[in-house]
Amino acid sequence: MPKKQTLSPEILKYSATAILSARLNAGVSQRDLSVRMGITQPLISAWEHGKSVPSLHHLVAIESSLGLSTGELIMPIAYPTHHGDTPTNN
C-alpha cells in the first residue's frame, strides 16, 4: 500500500489564500460557489481555512466556477520556480 503523502503547512496556507482571494475577487460568496459546484459550503470554508485541500477535480471546478483559466490556482504550487512565486511568498 502506498504511503499517504501529507502537504506542508506552506502549501496548505498558499492553497487557502489562493482560493479565498480568487473567490473574493470574483465577488462570489462561499454559499454561491458551493451551489455552483454542487458541494457544501462548509467544504469551501475548510479549504479557505487551510483545514483541507481540494482535489484536482475540485480545483478545476473552482477555476471554472470563478471564470479563471485552467491551472491558475495550481500552477504556482506545482511549478513555483517557473512563476517566481512560492507558497511562502504570500
PDB file of N, CA and C in Angstrom:
ATOM      1  N   MET A   1       0.848  -1.176   0.000  1.00  0.00           N
ATOM      2  CA  MET A   1       0.000   0.000   0.000  1.00  0.00           C
ATOM      3  C   MET A   1       0.894   1.239   0.000  1.00  0.00           C
ATOM      4  N   PRO A   2       0.639   2.196  -0.922  1.00  0.00           N
ATOM      5  CA  PRO A   2       1.479   3.398  -0.984  1.00  0.00           C
ATOM      6  C   PRO A   2       1.334   4.245   0.277  1.00  0.00           C
ATOM      7  N   LYS A   3       2.421   4.895   0.630  1.00  0.00           N
ATOM      8  CA  LYS A   3       2.416   5.782   1.784  1.00  0.00           C
ATOM      9  C   LYS A   3       1.606   7.037   1.457  1.00  0.00           C
ATOM     10  N   LYS A   4       0.741   7.435   2.390  1.00  0.00           N
ATOM     11  CA  LYS A   4      -0.068   8.637   2.198  1.00  0.00           C
ATOM     12  C   LYS A   4       0.816   9.867   2.354  1.00  0.00           C
ATOM     13  N   GLN A   5       0.737  10.759   1.386  1.00  0.00           N
ATOM     14  CA  GLN A   5       1.527  11.985   1.432  1.00  0.00           C
ATOM     15  C   GLN A   5       0.759  13.062   2.180  1.00  0.00           C
ATOM     16  N   THR A   6       1.504  13.854   2.937  1.00  0.00           N
ATOM     17  CA  THR A   6       0.907  14.998   3.606  1.00  0.00           C
ATOM     18  C   THR A   6       1.475  16.267   2.992  1.00  0.00           C
ATOM     19  N   LEU A   7       0.689  17.303   3.022  1.00  0.00           N
ATOM     20  CA  LEU A   7       1.119  18.580   2.462  1.00  0.00           C
ATOM     21  C   LEU A   7       1.747  19.439   3.547  1.00  0.00           C
ATOM     22  N   SER A   8       2.713  20.226   3.138  1.00  0.00           N
ATOM     23  CA  SER A   8       3.371  21.113   4.083  1.00  0.00           C
ATOM     24  C   SER A   8       2.411  22.224   4.509  1.00  0.00           C
ATOM     25  N   PRO A   9       2.642  22.810   5.670  1.00  0.00           N
ATOM     26  CA  PRO A   9       1.806  23.937   6.099  1.00  0.00           C
ATOM     27  C   PRO A   9       1.847  25.094   5.106  1.00  0.00           C
ATOM     28  N   GLU A  10       2.969  25.269   4.424  1.00  0.00           N
ATOM     29  CA  GLU A  10       3.077  26.353   3.447  1.00  0.00           C
ATOM     30  C   GLU A  10       2.142  26.131   2.259  1.00  0.00           C
ATOM     31  N   ILE A  11       2.068  24.875   1.806  1.00  0.00           N
ATOM     32  CA  ILE A  11       1.174  24.558   0.693  1.00  0.00           C
ATOM     33  C   ILE A  11      -0.281  24.740   1.127  1.00  0.00           C
ATOM     34  N   LEU A  12      -0.625  24.285   2.320  1.00  0.00           N
ATOM     35  CA  LEU A  12      -1.992  24.473   2.815  1.00  0.00           C
ATOM     36  C   LEU A  12      -2.348  25.953   2.892  1.00  0.00           C
ATOM     37  N   LYS A  13      -1.439  26.761   3.415  1.00  0.00           N
ATOM     38  CA  LYS A  13      -1.688  28.198   3.536  1.00  0.00           C
ATOM     39  C   LYS A  13      -1.819  28.838   2.160  1.00  0.00           C
ATOM     40  N   TYR A  14      -0.924  28.469   1.243  1.00  0.00           N
ATOM     41  CA  TYR A  14      -0.983  29.042  -0.108  1.00  0.00           C
ATOM     42  C   TYR A  14      -2.301  28.685  -0.785  1.00  0.00           C
ATOM     43  N   SER A  15      -2.679  27.405  -0.699  1.00  0.00           N
ATOM     44  CA  SER A  15      -3.918  26.958  -1.322  1.00  0.00           C
ATOM     45  C   SER A  15      -5.113  27.700  -0.742  1.00  0.00           C
ATOM     46  N   ALA A  16      -5.165  27.816   0.580  1.00  0.00           N
ATOM     47  CA  ALA A  16      -6.270  28.511   1.246  1.00  0.00           C
ATOM     48  C   ALA A  16      -6.345  29.965   0.800  1.00  0.00           C
ATOM     49  N   THR A  17      -5.208  30.641   0.773  1.00  0.00           N
ATOM     50  CA  THR A  17      -5.160  32.044   0.382  1.00  0.00           C
ATOM     51  C   THR A  17      -5.556  32.220  -1.076  1.00  0.00           C
ATOM     52  N   ALA A  18      -5.082  31.338  -1.943  1.00  0.00           N
ATOM     53  CA  ALA A  18      -5.392  31.439  -3.378  1.00  0.00           C
ATOM     54  C   ALA A  18      -6.888  31.273  -3.626  1.00  0.00           C
ATOM     55  N   ILE A  19      -7.495  30.300  -2.977  1.00  0.00           N
ATOM     56  CA  ILE A  19      -8.931  30.066  -3.173  1.00  0.00           C
ATOM     57  C   ILE A  19      -9.750  31.229  -2.622  1.00  0.00           C
ATOM     58  N   LEU A  20      -9.432  31.671  -1.426  1.00  0.00           N
ATOM     59  CA  LEU A  20     -10.147  32.793  -0.821  1.00  0.00           C
ATOM     60  C   LEU A  20     -10.018  34.049  -1.683  1.00  0.00           C
ATOM     61  N   SER A  21      -8.810  34.364  -2.105  1.00  0.00           N
ATOM     62  CA  SER A  21      -8.582  35.567  -2.921  1.00  0.00           C
ATOM     63  C   SER A  21      -9.334  35.494  -4.235  1.00  0.00           C
ATOM     64  N   ALA A  22      -9.286  34.342  -4.886  1.00  0.00           N
ATOM     65  CA  ALA A  22      -9.978  34.190  -6.174  1.00  0.00           C
ATOM     66  C   ALA A  22     -11.479  34.357  -6.005  1.00  0.00           C
ATOM     67  N   ARG A  23     -12.019  33.785  -4.947  1.00  0.00           N
ATOM     68  CA  ARG A  23     -13.463  33.890  -4.704  1.00  0.00           C
ATOM     69  C   ARG A  23     -13.865  35.333  -4.414  1.00  0.00           C
ATOM     70  N   LEU A  24     -13.094  36.007  -3.556  1.00  0.00           N
ATOM     71  CA  LEU A  24     -13.418  37.398  -3.225  1.00  0.00           C
ATOM     72  C   LEU A  24     -13.260  38.308  -4.438  1.00  0.00           C
ATOM     73  N   ASN A  25     -12.219  38.087  -5.230  1.00  0.00           N
ATOM     74  CA  ASN A  25     -12.008  38.890  -6.445  1.00  0.00           C
ATOM     75  C   ASN A  25     -13.149  38.721  -7.437  1.00  0.00           C
ATOM     76  N   ALA A  26     -13.767  37.549  -7.429  1.00  0.00           N
ATOM     77  CA  ALA A  26     -14.897  37.294  -8.324  1.00  0.00           C
ATOM     78  C   ALA A  26     -16.209  37.810  -7.739  1.00  0.00           C
ATOM     79  N   GLY A  27     -16.176  38.259  -6.465  1.00  0.00           N
ATOM     80  CA  GLY A  27     -17.386  38.771  -5.828  1.00  0.00           C
ATOM     81  C   GLY A  27     -18.417  37.685  -5.555  1.00  0.00           C
ATOM     82  N   VAL A  28     -17.931  36.490  -5.216  1.00  0.00           N
ATOM     83  CA  VAL A  28     -18.806  35.341  -5.015  1.00  0.00           C
ATOM     84  C   VAL A  28     -18.732  34.913  -3.552  1.00  0.00           C
ATOM     85  N   SER A  29     -19.871  34.629  -2.948  1.00  0.00           N
ATOM     86  CA  SER A  29     -19.885  34.143  -1.570  1.00  0.00           C
ATOM     87  C   SER A  29     -19.546  32.653  -1.548  1.00  0.00           C
ATOM     88  N   GLN A  30     -19.192  32.175  -0.368  1.00  0.00           N
ATOM     89  CA  GLN A  30     -18.945  30.739  -0.225  1.00  0.00           C
ATOM     90  C   GLN A  30     -20.200  29.952  -0.613  1.00  0.00           C
ATOM     91  N   ARG A  31     -21.334  30.440  -0.180  1.00  0.00           N
ATOM     92  CA  ARG A  31     -22.598  29.748  -0.493  1.00  0.00           C
ATOM     93  C   ARG A  31     -22.831  29.698  -1.997  1.00  0.00           C
ATOM     94  N   ASP A  32     -22.647  30.820  -2.683  1.00  0.00           N
ATOM     95  CA  ASP A  32     -22.842  30.842  -4.139  1.00  0.00           C
ATOM     96  C   ASP A  32     -21.875  29.885  -4.836  1.00  0.00           C
ATOM     97  N   LEU A  33     -20.627  29.882  -4.390  1.00  0.00           N
ATOM     98  CA  LEU A  33     -19.647  28.983  -5.002  1.00  0.00           C
ATOM     99  C   LEU A  33     -20.029  27.527  -4.747  1.00  0.00           C
ATOM    100  N   SER A  34     -20.488  27.237  -3.544  1.00  0.00           N
ATOM    101  CA  SER A  34     -20.871  25.862  -3.239  1.00  0.00           C
ATOM    102  C   SER A  34     -22.044  25.409  -4.113  1.00  0.00           C
ATOM    103  N   VAL A  35     -23.002  26.295  -4.335  1.00  0.00           N
ATOM    104  CA  VAL A  35     -24.139  25.963  -5.202  1.00  0.00           C
ATOM    105  C   VAL A  35     -23.662  25.736  -6.629  1.00  0.00           C
ATOM    106  N   ARG A  36     -22.806  26.607  -7.126  1.00  0.00           N
ATOM    107  CA  ARG A  36     -22.270  26.458  -8.483  1.00  0.00           C
ATOM    108  C   ARG A  36     -21.539  25.134  -8.662  1.00  0.00           C
ATOM    109  N   MET A  37     -20.842  24.714  -7.613  1.00  0.00           N
ATOM    110  CA  MET A  37     -20.030  23.494  -7.694  1.00  0.00           C
ATOM    111  C   MET A  37     -20.786  22.236  -7.279  1.00  0.00           C
ATOM    112  N   GLY A  38     -21.941  22.397  -6.641  1.00  0.00           N
ATOM    113  CA  GLY A  38     -22.702  21.245  -6.190  1.00  0.00           C
ATOM    114  C   GLY A  38     -22.080  20.557  -4.985  1.00  0.00           C
ATOM    115  N   ILE A  39     -21.465  21.361  -4.113  1.00  0.00           N
ATOM    116  CA  ILE A  39     -20.843  20.840  -2.896  1.00  0.00           C
ATOM    117  C   ILE A  39     -21.348  21.661  -1.709  1.00  0.00           C
ATOM    118  N   THR A  40     -20.905  21.321  -0.515  1.00  0.00           N
ATOM    119  CA  THR A  40     -21.366  22.048   0.667  1.00  0.00           C
ATOM    120  C   THR A  40     -20.502  23.276   0.941  1.00  0.00           C
ATOM    121  N   GLN A  41     -21.117  24.280   1.540  1.00  0.00           N
ATOM    122  CA  GLN A  41     -20.394  25.495   1.926  1.00  0.00           C
ATOM    123  C   GLN A  41     -19.326  25.209   2.969  1.00  0.00           C
ATOM    124  N   PRO A  42     -19.568  24.315   3.952  1.00  0.00           N
ATOM    125  CA  PRO A  42     -18.508  24.025   4.924  1.00  0.00           C
ATOM    126  C   PRO A  42     -17.235  23.441   4.290  1.00  0.00           C
ATOM    127  N   LEU A  43     -17.384  22.750   3.163  1.00  0.00           N
ATOM    128  CA  LEU A  43     -16.196  22.228   2.476  1.00  0.00           C
ATOM    129  C   LEU A  43     -15.352  23.375   1.932  1.00  0.00           C
ATOM    130  N   ILE A  44     -15.989  24.371   1.352  1.00  0.00           N
ATOM    131  CA  ILE A  44     -15.256  25.539   0.856  1.00  0.00           C
ATOM    132  C   ILE A  44     -14.602  26.272   2.018  1.00  0.00           C
ATOM    133  N   SER A  45     -15.305  26.406   3.111  1.00  0.00           N
ATOM    134  CA  SER A  45     -14.744  27.038   4.298  1.00  0.00           C
ATOM    135  C   SER A  45     -13.494  26.293   4.773  1.00  0.00           C
ATOM    136  N   ALA A  46     -13.560  24.976   4.778  1.00  0.00           N
ATOM    137  CA  ALA A  46     -12.397  24.169   5.203  1.00  0.00           C
ATOM    138  C   ALA A  46     -11.206  24.422   4.290  1.00  0.00           C
ATOM    139  N   TRP A  47     -11.446  24.533   2.992  1.00  0.00           N
ATOM    140  CA  TRP A  47     -10.346  24.830   2.052  1.00  0.00           C
ATOM    141  C   TRP A  47      -9.761  26.201   2.340  1.00  0.00           C
ATOM    142  N   GLU A  48     -10.629  27.186   2.546  1.00  0.00           N
ATOM    143  CA  GLU A  48     -10.170  28.563   2.741  1.00  0.00           C
ATOM    144  C   GLU A  48      -9.497  28.771   4.097  1.00  0.00           C
ATOM    145  N   HIS A  49      -9.738  27.890   5.035  1.00  0.00           N
ATOM    146  CA  HIS A  49      -9.089  27.982   6.347  1.00  0.00           C
ATOM    147  C   HIS A  49      -7.899  27.032   6.462  1.00  0.00           C
ATOM    148  N   GLY A  50      -7.531  26.383   5.360  1.00  0.00           N
ATOM    149  CA  GLY A  50      -6.374  25.502   5.357  1.00  0.00           C
ATOM    150  C   GLY A  50      -6.560  24.221   6.142  1.00  0.00           C
ATOM    151  N   LYS A  51      -7.794  23.832   6.364  1.00  0.00           N
ATOM    152  CA  LYS A  51      -8.060  22.586   7.090  1.00  0.00           C
ATOM    153  C   LYS A  51      -8.024  21.381   6.163  1.00  0.00           C
ATOM    154  N   SER A  52      -8.233  21.618   4.886  1.00  0.00           N
ATOM    155  CA  SER A  52      -8.131  20.578   3.869  1.00  0.00           C
ATOM    156  C   SER A  52      -7.804  21.244   2.537  1.00  0.00           C
ATOM    157  N   VAL A  53      -7.446  20.436   1.585  1.00  0.00           N
ATOM    158  CA  VAL A  53      -7.076  20.934   0.256  1.00  0.00           C
ATOM    159  C   VAL A  53      -7.987  20.260  -0.762  1.00  0.00           C
ATOM    160  N   PRO A  54      -8.510  21.032  -1.700  1.00  0.00           N
ATOM    161  CA  PRO A  54      -9.385  20.418  -2.701  1.00  0.00           C
ATOM    162  C   PRO A  54      -8.615  19.464  -3.610  1.00  0.00           C
ATOM    163  N   SER A  55      -9.323  18.484  -4.112  1.00  0.00           N
ATOM    164  CA  SER A  55      -8.747  17.580  -5.097  1.00  0.00           C
ATOM    165  C   SER A  55      -8.498  18.361  -6.394  1.00  0.00           C
ATOM    166  N   LEU A  56      -7.756  17.779  -7.282  1.00  0.00           N
ATOM    167  CA  LEU A  56      -7.511  18.419  -8.578  1.00  0.00           C
ATOM    168  C   LEU A  56      -8.830  18.666  -9.295  1.00  0.00           C
ATOM    169  N   HIS A  57      -9.727  17.712  -9.217  1.00  0.00           N
ATOM    170  CA  HIS A  57     -11.061  17.856  -9.827  1.00  0.00           C
ATOM    171  C   HIS A  57     -11.773  19.092  -9.273  1.00  0.00           C
ATOM    172  N   HIS A  58     -11.715  19.272  -7.951  1.00  0.00           N
ATOM    173  CA  HIS A  58     -12.371  20.422  -7.337  1.00  0.00           C
ATOM    174  C   HIS A  58     -11.654  21.728  -7.679  1.00  0.00           C
ATOM    175  N   LEU A  59     -10.327  21.704  -7.769  1.00  0.00           N
ATOM    176  CA  LEU A  59      -9.606  22.923  -8.161  1.00  0.00           C
ATOM    177  C   LEU A  59     -10.035  23.382  -9.550  1.00  0.00           C
ATOM    178  N   VAL A  60     -10.158  22.446 -10.471  1.00  0.00           N
ATOM    179  CA  VAL A  60     -10.609  22.792 -11.825  1.00  0.00           C
ATOM    180  C   VAL A  60     -12.031  23.340 -11.779  1.00  0.00           C
ATOM    181  N   ALA A  61     -12.879  22.747 -10.943  1.00  0.00           N
ATOM    182  CA  ALA A  61     -14.260  23.224 -10.811  1.00  0.00           C
ATOM    183  C   ALA A  61     -14.310  24.626 -10.203  1.00  0.00           C
ATOM    184  N   ILE A  62     -13.439  24.892  -9.230  1.00  0.00           N
ATOM    185  CA  ILE A  62     -13.367  26.240  -8.641  1.00  0.00           C
ATOM    186  C   ILE A  62     -12.983  27.244  -9.722  1.00  0.00           C
ATOM    187  N   GLU A  63     -11.938  26.919 -10.474  1.00  0.00           N
ATOM    188  CA  GLU A  63     -11.484  27.824 -11.544  1.00  0.00           C
ATOM    189  C   GLU A  63     -12.598  28.092 -12.537  1.00  0.00           C
ATOM    190  N   SER A  64     -13.281  27.052 -12.962  1.00  0.00           N
ATOM    191  CA  SER A  64     -14.372  27.198 -13.915  1.00  0.00           C
ATOM    192  C   SER A  64     -15.502  28.035 -13.341  1.00  0.00           C
ATOM    193  N   SER A  65     -15.859  27.775 -12.094  1.00  0.00           N
ATOM    194  CA  SER A  65     -16.956  28.499 -11.435  1.00  0.00           C
ATOM    195  C   SER A  65     -16.648  29.977 -11.232  1.00  0.00           C
ATOM    196  N   LEU A  66     -15.363  30.302 -11.095  1.00  0.00           N
ATOM    197  CA  LEU A  66     -14.967  31.697 -10.856  1.00  0.00           C
ATOM    198  C   LEU A  66     -14.462  32.395 -12.120  1.00  0.00           C
ATOM    199  N   GLY A  67     -14.518  31.712 -13.247  1.00  0.00           N
ATOM    200  CA  GLY A  67     -14.096  32.315 -14.508  1.00  0.00           C
ATOM    201  C   GLY A  67     -12.590  32.443 -14.659  1.00  0.00           C
ATOM    202  N   LEU A  68     -11.853  31.582 -13.972  1.00  0.00           N
ATOM    203  CA  LEU A  68     -10.394  31.597 -14.067  1.00  0.00           C
ATOM    204  C   LEU A  68      -9.941  30.646 -15.156  1.00  0.00           C
ATOM    205  N   SER A  69      -8.736  30.836 -15.643  1.00  0.00           N
ATOM    206  CA  SER A  69      -8.201  29.909 -16.626  1.00  0.00           C
ATOM    207  C   SER A  69      -7.741  28.632 -15.934  1.00  0.00           C
ATOM    208  N   THR A  70      -7.770  27.542 -16.648  1.00  0.00           N
ATOM    209  CA  THR A  70      -7.376  26.247 -16.094  1.00  0.00           C
ATOM    210  C   THR A  70      -5.936  26.300 -15.616  1.00  0.00           C
ATOM    211  N   GLY A  71      -5.714  25.876 -14.404  1.00  0.00           N
ATOM    212  CA  GLY A  71      -4.380  25.849 -13.825  1.00  0.00           C
ATOM    213  C   GLY A  71      -3.990  27.097 -13.063  1.00  0.00           C
ATOM    214  N   GLU A  72      -4.810  28.120 -13.112  1.00  0.00           N
ATOM    215  CA  GLU A  72      -4.470  29.393 -12.479  1.00  0.00           C
ATOM    216  C   GLU A  72      -4.251  29.261 -10.969  1.00  0.00           C
ATOM    217  N   LEU A  73      -5.034  28.405 -10.312  1.00  0.00           N
ATOM    218  CA  LEU A  73      -4.886  28.230  -8.873  1.00  0.00           C
ATOM    219  C   LEU A  73      -3.739  27.298  -8.504  1.00  0.00           C
ATOM    220  N   ILE A  74      -3.409  26.352  -9.381  1.00  0.00           N
ATOM    221  CA  ILE A  74      -2.407  25.359  -9.004  1.00  0.00           C
ATOM    222  C   ILE A  74      -1.038  25.557  -9.614  1.00  0.00           C
ATOM    223  N   MET A  75      -0.910  26.327 -10.656  1.00  0.00           N
ATOM    224  CA  MET A  75       0.396  26.468 -11.311  1.00  0.00           C
ATOM    225  C   MET A  75       1.486  26.995 -10.379  1.00  0.00           C
ATOM    226  N   PRO A  76       1.238  28.014  -9.566  1.00  0.00           N
ATOM    227  CA  PRO A  76       2.300  28.467  -8.660  1.00  0.00           C
ATOM    228  C   PRO A  76       2.693  27.407  -7.634  1.00  0.00           C
ATOM    229  N   ILE A  77       1.785  26.508  -7.290  1.00  0.00           N
ATOM    230  CA  ILE A  77       2.102  25.434  -6.358  1.00  0.00           C
ATOM    231  C   ILE A  77       2.915  24.362  -7.061  1.00  0.00           C
ATOM    232  N   ALA A  78       2.475  23.972  -8.248  1.00  0.00           N
ATOM    233  CA  ALA A  78       3.115  22.882  -8.967  1.00  0.00           C
ATOM    234  C   ALA A  78       4.473  23.281  -9.535  1.00  0.00           C
ATOM    235  N   TYR A  79       4.599  24.519  -9.983  1.00  0.00           N
ATOM    236  CA  TYR A  79       5.823  24.972 -10.624  1.00  0.00           C
ATOM    237  C   TYR A  79       6.278  26.321 -10.072  1.00  0.00           C
ATOM    238  N   PRO A  80       6.599  26.408  -8.793  1.00  0.00           N
ATOM    239  CA  PRO A  80       6.908  27.709  -8.191  1.00  0.00           C
ATOM    240  C   PRO A  80       8.099  28.418  -8.823  1.00  0.00           C
ATOM    241  N   THR A  81       9.117  27.701  -9.227  1.00  0.00           N
ATOM    242  CA  THR A  81      10.295  28.367  -9.790  1.00  0.00           C
ATOM    243  C   THR A  81      10.027  28.923 -11.177  1.00  0.00           C
ATOM    244  N   HIS A  82       9.070  28.370 -11.877  1.00  0.00           N
ATOM    245  CA  HIS A  82       8.747  28.870 -13.222  1.00  0.00           C
ATOM    246  C   HIS A  82       7.881  30.108 -13.194  1.00  0.00           C
ATOM    247  N   HIS A  83       7.265  30.357 -12.063  1.00  0.00           N
ATOM    248  CA  HIS A  83       6.359  31.507 -11.975  1.00  0.00           C
ATOM    249  C   HIS A  83       6.851  32.572 -10.996  1.00  0.00           C
ATOM    250  N   GLY A  84       8.030  32.351 -10.434  1.00  0.00           N
ATOM    251  CA  GLY A  84       8.566  33.326  -9.489  1.00  0.00           C
ATOM    252  C   GLY A  84       7.746  33.460  -8.251  1.00  0.00           C
ATOM    253  N   ASP A  85       6.961  32.443  -7.946  1.00  0.00           N
ATOM    254  CA  ASP A  85       6.073  32.517  -6.799  1.00  0.00           C
ATOM    255  C   ASP A  85       6.191  31.209  -6.028  1.00  0.00           C
ATOM    256  N   THR A  86       6.221  31.286  -4.741  1.00  0.00           N
ATOM    257  CA  THR A  86       6.249  30.082  -3.913  1.00  0.00           C
ATOM    258  C   THR A  86       5.174  30.216  -2.855  1.00  0.00           C
ATOM    259  N   PRO A  87       4.797  29.111  -2.271  1.00  0.00           N
ATOM    260  CA  PRO A  87       3.762  29.185  -1.235  1.00  0.00           C
ATOM    261  C   PRO A  87       4.137  30.064  -0.055  1.00  0.00           C
ATOM    262  N   THR A  88       5.410  30.331   0.155  1.00  0.00           N
ATOM    263  CA  THR A  88       5.813  31.146   1.287  1.00  0.00           C
ATOM    264  C   THR A  88       5.973  32.615   0.941  1.00  0.00           C
ATOM    265  N   ASN A  89       5.713  33.012  -0.286  1.00  0.00           N
ATOM    266  CA  ASN A  89       5.874  34.402  -0.712  1.00  0.00           C
ATOM    267  C   ASN A  89       4.597  35.215  -0.604  1.00  0.00           C
ATOM    268  N   ASN A  90       3.626  34.768   0.130  1.00  0.00           N
ATOM    269  CA  ASN A  90       2.341  35.487   0.190  1.00  0.00           C
ATOM    270  C   ASN A  90       2.427  36.731   1.002  1.00  0.00           C
TER     271      ASN A  90
END
